[in-house]
C-alpha atoms as a PDB file:
ATOM      1  CA  MET A   1       9.855 -12.633  -2.031  1.00  0.00           C
ATOM      2  CA  LYS A   2       8.710  -9.819  -4.396  1.00  0.00           C
ATOM      3  CA  LYS A   3      11.629  -7.860  -5.606  1.00  0.00           C
ATOM      4  CA  ASN A   4      10.128  -4.443  -6.116  1.00  0.00           C
ATOM      5  CA  GLY A   5       6.910  -2.498  -6.496  1.00  0.00           C
ATOM      6  CA  ILE A   6       3.872  -2.883  -4.264  1.00  0.00           C
ATOM      7  CA  LEU A   7       4.353  -5.475  -1.484  1.00  0.00           C
ATOM      8  CA  ASN A   8       0.968  -5.436  -0.071  1.00  0.00           C
ATOM      9  CA  LYS A   9      -0.892  -8.570  -1.301  1.00  0.00           C
ATOM     10  CA  GLU A  10      -4.411  -7.219  -1.185  1.00  0.00           C
ATOM     11  CA  ILE A  11      -3.351  -4.117  -3.259  1.00  0.00           C
ATOM     12  CA  CYS A  12      -1.530  -6.317  -5.859  1.00  0.00           C
ATOM     13  CA  ASN A  13      -4.665  -8.488  -5.986  1.00  0.00           C
ATOM     14  CA  ALA A  14      -6.845  -5.442  -6.532  1.00  0.00           C
ATOM     15  CA  ILE A  15      -4.655  -3.948  -9.204  1.00  0.00           C
ATOM     16  CA  GLY A  16      -4.430  -7.398 -10.916  1.00  0.00           C
ATOM     17  CA  SER A  17      -8.285  -7.742 -11.094  1.00  0.00           C
ATOM     18  CA  ILE A  18      -8.901  -4.169 -12.492  1.00  0.00           C
ATOM     19  CA  GLY A  19      -9.985  -3.945 -16.110  1.00  0.00           C
ATOM     20  CA  HIS A  20     -10.472  -0.996 -18.358  1.00  0.00           C
ATOM     21  CA  THR A  21     -12.845   1.725 -16.877  1.00  0.00           C
ATOM     22  CA  ASP A  22     -12.963  -0.040 -13.479  1.00  0.00           C
ATOM     23  CA  LEU A  23     -12.681   2.373 -10.558  1.00  0.00           C
ATOM     24  CA  LEU A  24      -9.946   2.125  -7.700  1.00  0.00           C
ATOM     25  CA  VAL A  25     -10.401   4.461  -4.920  1.00  0.00           C
ATOM     26  CA  ILE A  26      -7.497   5.716  -2.653  1.00  0.00           C
ATOM     27  CA  SER A  27      -9.351   7.238   0.363  1.00  0.00           C
ATOM     28  CA  ASP A  28      -8.648   9.477   3.266  1.00  0.00           C
ATOM     29  CA  SER A  29      -9.505   8.026   6.716  1.00  0.00           C
ATOM     30  CA  GLY A  30     -12.920   9.672   6.906  1.00  0.00           C
ATOM     31  CA  LEU A  31     -14.466   8.651   3.559  1.00  0.00           C
ATOM     32  CA  PRO A  32     -17.501   6.343   4.187  1.00  0.00           C
ATOM     33  CA  ILE A  33     -17.029   2.992   2.515  1.00  0.00           C
ATOM     34  CA  ALA A  34     -20.040   0.664   2.055  1.00  0.00           C
ATOM     35  CA  SER A  35     -19.724  -2.764   3.673  1.00  0.00           C
ATOM     36  CA  ASP A  36     -19.988  -4.517   0.391  1.00  0.00           C
ATOM     37  CA  ARG A  37     -16.938  -2.786  -1.196  1.00  0.00           C
ATOM     38  CA  TYR A  38     -13.730  -4.523  -1.335  1.00  0.00           C
ATOM     39  CA  ARG A  39     -11.838  -2.591   1.245  1.00  0.00           C
ATOM     40  CA  ILE A  40      -8.053  -2.619   1.764  1.00  0.00           C
ATOM     41  CA  ASP A  41      -7.297  -0.759   5.150  1.00  0.00           C
ATOM     42  CA  VAL A  42      -3.690   0.303   5.315  1.00  0.00           C
ATOM     43  CA  SER A  43      -4.224   3.065   7.989  1.00  0.00           C
ATOM     44  CA  ILE A  44      -2.080   2.908  11.063  1.00  0.00           C
ATOM     45  CA  VAL A  45      -2.632   6.209  12.792  1.00  0.00           C
ATOM     46  CA  GLY A  46      -3.937   9.685  11.733  1.00  0.00           C
ATOM     47  CA  GLY A  47      -1.952  10.811   8.706  1.00  0.00           C
ATOM     48  CA  LYS A  48      -0.249   7.525   8.136  1.00  0.00           C
ATOM     49  CA  PRO A  49       0.114   6.380   5.514  1.00  0.00           C
ATOM     50  CA  GLY A  50      -0.862   9.464   3.575  1.00  0.00           C
ATOM     51  CA  ILE A  51      -2.597   9.572   0.242  1.00  0.00           C
ATOM     52  CA  PHE A  52       0.480  10.046  -1.663  1.00  0.00           C
ATOM     53  CA  ASP A  53       2.336   7.126   0.077  1.00  0.00           C
ATOM     54  CA  VAL A  54      -0.213   4.960  -1.713  1.00  0.00           C
ATOM     55  CA  LEU A  55      -1.074   6.937  -4.910  1.00  0.00           C
ATOM     56  CA  GLU A  56       2.599   7.057  -6.053  1.00  0.00           C
ATOM     57  CA  PRO A  57       3.247   3.369  -6.118  1.00  0.00           C
ATOM     58  CA  VAL A  58      -0.155   2.512  -7.432  1.00  0.00           C
ATOM     59  CA  LEU A  59       0.349   4.852 -10.354  1.00  0.00           C
ATOM     60  CA  GLU A  60       3.571   3.011 -11.075  1.00  0.00           C
ATOM     61  CA  GLU A  61       1.546  -0.236 -11.485  1.00  0.00           C
ATOM     62  CA  LEU A  62      -1.849   0.700 -12.824  1.00  0.00           C
ATOM     63  CA  GLU A  63      -2.553   2.296 -16.233  1.00  0.00           C
ATOM     64  CA  ILE A  64      -5.110   5.036 -15.761  1.00  0.00           C
ATOM     65  CA  GLU A  65      -7.159   7.179 -18.159  1.00  0.00           C
ATOM     66  CA  LYS A  66      -8.786   9.622 -15.702  1.00  0.00           C
ATOM     67  CA  VAL A  67      -8.767  10.837 -12.173  1.00  0.00           C
ATOM     68  CA  ILE A  68     -11.892  11.909 -10.332  1.00  0.00           C
ATOM     69  CA  LEU A  69     -11.766  14.374  -7.366  1.00  0.00           C
ATOM     70  CA  ALA A  70     -14.324  15.968  -5.276  1.00  0.00           C
ATOM     71  CA  GLN A  71     -14.890  19.491  -6.461  1.00  0.00           C
ATOM     72  CA  GLU A  72     -14.646  20.626  -2.829  1.00  0.00           C
ATOM     73  CA  ILE A  73     -10.878  20.045  -2.800  1.00  0.00           C
ATOM     74  CA  LYS A  74     -10.451  23.193  -4.834  1.00  0.00           C
ATOM     75  CA  THR A  75     -11.689  25.479  -2.002  1.00  0.00           C
ATOM     76  CA  ILE A  76     -11.240  23.310   1.199  1.00  0.00           C
ATOM     77  CA  SER A  77      -7.868  21.791   0.461  1.00  0.00           C
ATOM     78  CA  PRO A  78      -6.210  23.621  -2.372  1.00  0.00           C
ATOM     79  CA  GLU A  79      -2.675  22.634  -1.323  1.00  0.00           C
ATOM     80  CA  ALA A  80      -3.695  19.017  -1.427  1.00  0.00           C
ATOM     81  CA  LEU A  81      -5.168  19.511  -4.881  1.00  0.00           C
ATOM     82  CA  GLU A  82      -1.943  21.226  -6.191  1.00  0.00           C
ATOM     83  CA  GLN A  83       0.190  18.237  -4.782  1.00  0.00           C
ATOM     84  CA  THR A  84      -2.303  15.580  -6.293  1.00  0.00           C
ATOM     85  CA  LEU A  85      -2.070  17.254  -9.725  1.00  0.00           C
ATOM     86  CA  LYS A  86       1.712  17.159  -9.598  1.00  0.00           C
ATOM     87  CA  LYS A  87       1.694  13.395  -8.873  1.00  0.00           C
ATOM     88  CA  LEU A  88      -0.536  12.594 -11.818  1.00  0.00           C
ATOM     89  CA  PRO A  89       0.647  11.461 -15.367  1.00  0.00           C
ATOM     90  CA  GLU A  90       1.170  14.281 -17.649  1.00  0.00           C
ATOM     91  CA  GLY A  91      -2.016  15.095 -19.762  1.00  0.00           C
ATOM     92  CA  ILE A  92      -4.266  12.840 -17.602  1.00  0.00           C
ATOM     93  CA  GLU A  93      -7.875  13.987 -17.544  1.00  0.00           C
ATOM     94  CA  VAL A  94      -9.230  15.203 -14.317  1.00  0.00           C
ATOM     95  CA  GLU A  95     -12.976  15.260 -13.550  1.00  0.00           C
ATOM     96  CA  TYR A  96     -14.343  17.135 -10.497  1.00  0.00           C
ATOM     97  CA  VAL A  97     -17.686  15.968  -8.983  1.00  0.00           C
ATOM     98  CA  PRO A  98     -19.616  17.116  -5.963  1.00  0.00           C
ATOM     99  CA  HIS A  99     -18.490  15.076  -2.942  1.00  0.00           C
ATOM    100  CA  VAL A 100     -22.030  13.382  -2.823  1.00  0.00           C
ATOM    101  CA  ARG A 101     -21.282  12.099  -6.248  1.00  0.00           C
ATOM    102  CA  PHE A 102     -17.857  11.017  -5.288  1.00  0.00           C
ATOM    103  CA  LYS A 103     -19.197   8.894  -2.477  1.00  0.00           C
ATOM    104  CA  GLU A 104     -21.831   7.249  -4.809  1.00  0.00           C
ATOM    105  CA  LEU A 105     -19.024   6.372  -7.264  1.00  0.00           C
ATOM    106  CA  THR A 106     -17.039   4.913  -4.363  1.00  0.00           C
ATOM    107  CA  ASN A 107     -19.793   2.979  -2.792  1.00  0.00           C
ATOM    108  CA  ASP A 108     -21.837   1.904  -5.928  1.00  0.00           C
ATOM    109  CA  HIS A 109     -19.289   1.588  -8.719  1.00  0.00           C
ATOM    110  CA  SER A 110     -15.603   1.068  -7.384  1.00  0.00           C
ATOM    111  CA  LYS A 111     -13.875  -2.278  -7.685  1.00  0.00           C
ATOM    112  CA  ALA A 112     -11.799  -1.624  -4.514  1.00  0.00           C
ATOM    113  CA  VAL A 113     -11.188   1.087  -1.970  1.00  0.00           C
ATOM    114  CA  ILE A 114      -7.673   1.518  -0.333  1.00  0.00           C
ATOM    115  CA  ARG A 115      -8.217   3.399   2.873  1.00  0.00           C
ATOM    116  CA  THR A 116      -5.240   5.422   4.173  1.00  0.00           C
ATOM    117  CA  GLY A 117      -4.655   7.305   7.354  1.00  0.00           C
ATOM    118  CA  GLU A 118      -4.774  10.555   5.464  1.00  0.00           C
ATOM    119  CA  GLN A 119      -6.621  13.406   7.367  1.00  0.00           C
ATOM    120  CA  ILE A 120      -6.794  16.217   4.643  1.00  0.00           C
ATOM    121  CA  PRO A 121     -10.367  16.896   3.829  1.00  0.00           C
ATOM    122  CA  TYR A 122     -11.430  15.872   0.314  1.00  0.00           C
ATOM    123  CA  SER A 123      -8.181  14.363  -0.436  1.00  0.00           C
ATOM    124  CA  SER A 124      -9.503  10.897  -1.648  1.00  0.00           C
ATOM    125  CA  VAL A 125      -8.929  10.051  -5.436  1.00  0.00           C
ATOM    126  CA  ILE A 126     -10.691   7.840  -7.779  1.00  0.00           C
ATOM    127  CA  LEU A 127      -8.621   6.325 -10.484  1.00  0.00           C
ATOM    128  CA  VAL A 128     -10.239   5.171 -13.660  1.00  0.00           C
ATOM    129  CA  ALA A 129      -8.328   2.261 -15.201  1.00  0.00           C
ATOM    130  CA  GLY A 130      -7.078   2.696 -18.585  1.00  0.00           C
ATOM    131  CA  VAL A 131      -5.824   0.125 -21.126  1.00  0.00           C
ATOM    132  CA  THR A 132      -2.144  -0.427 -22.174  1.00  0.00           C
ATOM    133  CA  TYR A 133      -2.787  -0.837 -25.854  1.00  0.00           C
END
């Protein structure tokens, strides 16, 4: 049995397969996900697990160089934005894109999407993988 860290086999496999500049999305429950994307659905009921329940352990295991957020989070869900920024590594680059572009990145370029039960509008996060050397 794995001793610590992420226990979900699919999330472990996704993190293990990600290379430099690959995109990993942690989505709220409403983000549309293309049928050809590798989808890991951990949602149980509305709000559970939340974005941060997944984001925090993923950040412990995945080296990232940038985070992409929907620019709409600034006006629609500013409290979620504030909480998200607090969870990120110090000095990490944050890029804001229109939600339409966010969906394109998710559905055309992501390596995997982890779907949570989060129900805060525009709270989805795209992690851009970094390199450890």
